[in-house]
Amino acid sequence: MNAGVQQVPAGQAHRSPGVQGEAAKVQRKAEQIAAPLGCQVMQETVPLVLDEAFHRRGMPLDAFVRFSSTNAARTAGLYPRKGTVAVGSDADLIVFDPNAEQVISASTHHMRVDYSMFEGMKVKGVPKIVLSRGSTIIENGKFVGKPGAGEFIKRENPAKI
């Protein structure tokens, strides 16, 4: 063993000294929720793809909707609760100004991270209103929803690709 290096049993490296049992489980869960994982791009994905697919490559808007919503929900095993506008579905909708432009910035996104891998990129196609389960959560770039109102959805088996 190297001087100054403490060996920690596997699976315990993240724990604070002396924290065990139920307290350790609570601490691990809090750490998992607080830790940003990988590249946070949820808010930026749809405007980036709309800009590239529709504006730059000419994808028809109905094909864009199928690609970004319906097919994504089917692939993830969330259709028909997500990915369609129908009775019994969640009524998650985005209203875009397809000609408005924005510069992507961590200072304006609504995620719990202070960076964006797309920082400074200019995109055409800006979400103006976002509805989640029928309630407005984003209006003109400002979060107006209720914090914590999100809901975990257990998915079905994903579609065969």
Protein backbone atom coordinates (compact mmCIF):
# COMPACT_ATOMS: atom_id res chain seq x y z
CA MET A 1 0.00 0.00 0.00
CA ASN A 2 1.32 3.45 -0.91
CA ALA A 3 1.90 5.92 1.90
CA GLY A 4 -1.03 8.30 2.25
CA VAL A 5 -3.39 6.21 0.13
CA GLN A 6 -6.35 4.74 1.94
CA GLN A 7 -7.94 1.61 0.53
CA VAL A 8 -11.74 1.75 0.53
CA PRO A 9 -13.92 -1.34 0.05
CA ALA A 10 -15.67 -1.46 -3.34
CA GLY A 11 -18.99 0.38 -3.34
CA GLN A 12 -18.10 2.61 -0.39
CA ALA A 13 -15.83 5.22 -2.00
CA HIS A 14 -18.67 7.76 -2.24
CA ARG A 15 -19.75 7.57 1.39
CA SER A 16 -18.89 10.07 4.06
CA PRO A 17 -16.98 8.55 6.99
CA GLY A 18 -19.31 7.03 9.54
CA VAL A 19 -22.43 7.15 7.37
CA GLN A 20 -24.01 3.71 7.20
CA GLY A 21 -27.32 1.94 6.75
CA GLU A 22 -30.40 3.97 5.86
CA ALA A 23 -28.52 7.28 6.17
CA ALA A 24 -26.04 6.09 3.54
CA LYS A 25 -28.90 5.19 1.17
CA VAL A 26 -30.43 8.65 1.60
CA GLN A 27 -27.04 10.30 1.02
CA ARG A 28 -26.40 8.26 -2.16
CA LYS A 29 -29.83 9.15 -3.56
CA ALA A 30 -29.25 12.86 -2.90
CA GLU A 31 -25.83 12.67 -4.56
CA GLN A 32 -27.28 10.92 -7.63
CA ILE A 33 -30.04 13.52 -8.02
CA ALA A 34 -27.63 16.46 -7.65
CA ALA A 35 -24.91 15.15 -9.98
CA PRO A 36 -25.07 16.29 -13.63
CA LEU A 37 -24.63 13.31 -15.90
CA GLY A 38 -22.88 13.68 -19.24
CA CYS A 39 -24.03 16.40 -21.60
CA GLN A 40 -27.19 18.20 -20.55
CA VAL A 41 -28.94 18.91 -23.86
CA MET A 42 -32.67 18.35 -23.35
CA GLN A 43 -33.68 22.00 -23.74
CA GLU A 44 -31.36 22.50 -26.70
CA THR A 45 -32.06 19.32 -28.66
CA VAL A 46 -35.30 20.25 -30.40
CA PRO A 47 -34.18 23.75 -31.53
CA LEU A 48 -30.86 22.31 -32.75
CA VAL A 49 -32.55 19.53 -34.72
CA LEU A 50 -35.26 21.89 -36.06
CA ASP A 51 -32.56 24.29 -37.25
CA GLU A 52 -30.53 21.56 -38.95
CA ALA A 53 -33.30 19.31 -40.29
CA PHE A 54 -35.95 21.84 -41.31
CA HIS A 55 -34.07 25.05 -42.06
CA ARG A 56 -30.79 23.69 -43.43
CA ARG A 57 -31.83 20.37 -45.00
CA GLY A 58 -35.47 20.97 -45.91
CA MET A 59 -37.16 18.24 -43.83
CA PRO A 60 -40.95 18.78 -43.95
CA LEU A 61 -42.42 19.85 -40.58
CA ASP A 62 -44.71 16.79 -40.37
CA ALA A 63 -41.64 14.55 -40.77
CA PHE A 64 -39.84 16.57 -38.09
CA VAL A 65 -42.76 15.99 -35.68
CA ARG A 66 -42.73 12.25 -36.37
CA PHE A 67 -38.95 12.13 -35.89
CA SER A 68 -38.74 14.27 -32.75
CA SER A 69 -41.93 13.21 -31.00
CA THR A 70 -43.97 10.27 -32.26
CA ASN A 71 -41.12 7.97 -33.28
CA ALA A 72 -39.03 8.96 -30.25
CA ALA A 73 -41.94 8.05 -27.92
CA ARG A 74 -42.46 4.73 -29.70
CA THR A 75 -38.76 3.89 -29.55
CA ALA A 76 -38.64 4.70 -25.83
CA GLY A 77 -41.78 2.68 -25.05
CA LEU A 78 -43.80 5.78 -24.05
CA TYR A 79 -46.30 5.89 -26.92
CA PRO A 80 -49.27 6.66 -26.86
CA ARG A 81 -48.99 8.46 -23.51
CA LYS A 82 -46.29 10.62 -25.12
CA GLY A 83 -45.67 11.49 -28.77
CA THR A 84 -49.22 12.17 -29.92
CA VAL A 85 -52.06 14.62 -29.45
CA ALA A 86 -55.00 12.40 -28.52
CA VAL A 87 -57.56 11.80 -25.79
CA GLY A 88 -55.75 10.10 -22.90
CA SER A 89 -52.29 11.35 -23.89
CA ASP A 90 -50.37 13.87 -21.77
CA ALA A 91 -50.80 17.02 -23.90
CA ASP A 92 -47.09 17.86 -23.95
CA LEU A 93 -46.74 20.47 -26.70
CA ILE A 94 -44.16 22.98 -27.93
CA VAL A 95 -45.25 26.06 -29.86
CA PHE A 96 -42.37 27.36 -32.00
CA ASP A 97 -41.65 30.56 -33.81
CA PRO A 98 -39.91 28.83 -36.73
CA ASN A 99 -38.21 32.04 -37.90
CA ALA A 100 -37.02 33.45 -34.57
CA GLU A 101 -33.33 33.07 -33.83
CA GLN A 102 -31.54 32.56 -30.55
CA VAL A 103 -28.02 32.03 -29.31
CA ILE A 104 -27.72 29.00 -27.03
CA SER A 105 -26.33 29.87 -23.63
CA ALA A 106 -26.09 28.21 -20.23
CA SER A 107 -27.22 31.54 -18.77
CA THR A 108 -30.68 31.14 -20.32
CA HIS A 109 -31.40 27.41 -20.08
CA HIS A 110 -33.56 25.79 -17.43
CA MET A 111 -31.30 22.93 -16.35
CA ARG A 112 -29.31 22.53 -13.14
CA VAL A 113 -25.92 22.86 -14.82
CA ASP A 114 -23.81 25.92 -15.48
CA TYR A 115 -22.52 24.95 -18.93
CA SER A 116 -23.72 24.10 -22.40
CA MET A 117 -21.72 22.18 -24.96
CA PHE A 118 -23.52 24.31 -27.57
CA GLU A 119 -22.65 27.64 -25.93
CA GLY A 120 -22.72 30.46 -28.48
CA MET A 121 -24.36 28.50 -31.32
CA LYS A 122 -27.06 30.39 -33.20
CA VAL A 123 -30.21 28.43 -34.09
CA LYS A 124 -33.35 29.30 -36.00
CA GLY A 125 -36.61 28.02 -34.51
CA VAL A 126 -37.34 29.10 -30.94
CA PRO A 127 -39.84 27.51 -28.54
CA LYS A 128 -42.25 30.20 -27.36
CA ILE A 129 -44.62 28.10 -25.24
CA VAL A 130 -44.09 24.66 -23.71
CA LEU A 131 -46.98 22.70 -22.20
CA SER A 132 -46.47 19.71 -19.93
CA ARG A 133 -49.58 17.63 -19.33
CA GLY A 134 -51.65 20.60 -20.50
CA SER A 135 -50.05 23.20 -18.17
CA THR A 136 -47.81 25.99 -19.43
CA ILE A 137 -44.27 25.56 -18.09
CA ILE A 138 -42.26 27.82 -20.43
CA GLU A 139 -43.52 31.10 -21.84
CA ASN A 140 -41.28 33.31 -24.00
CA GLY A 141 -38.14 31.67 -22.65
CA LYS A 142 -39.12 31.97 -18.98
CA PHE A 143 -39.96 29.04 -16.71
CA VAL A 144 -43.47 29.61 -15.34
CA GLY A 145 -44.20 26.06 -14.19
CA LYS A 146 -44.26 24.60 -10.73
CA PRO A 147 -40.85 23.26 -9.66
CA GLY A 148 -41.02 19.55 -8.97
CA ALA A 149 -44.17 19.02 -11.02
CA GLY A 150 -42.41 16.52 -13.30
CA GLU A 151 -43.53 12.93 -13.18
CA PHE A 152 -41.63 9.68 -13.63
CA ILE A 153 -43.27 7.51 -16.26
CA LYS A 154 -42.56 3.81 -16.26
CA ARG A 155 -42.11 2.86 -19.87
CA GLU A 156 -43.29 -0.22 -21.68
CA ASN A 157 -40.89 -2.37 -23.64
CA PRO A 158 -39.30 -0.16 -26.28
CA ALA A 159 -40.12 -0.69 -29.94
CA LYS A 160 -37.98 -3.09 -31.91
CA ILE A 161 -35.55 -1.16 -34.07
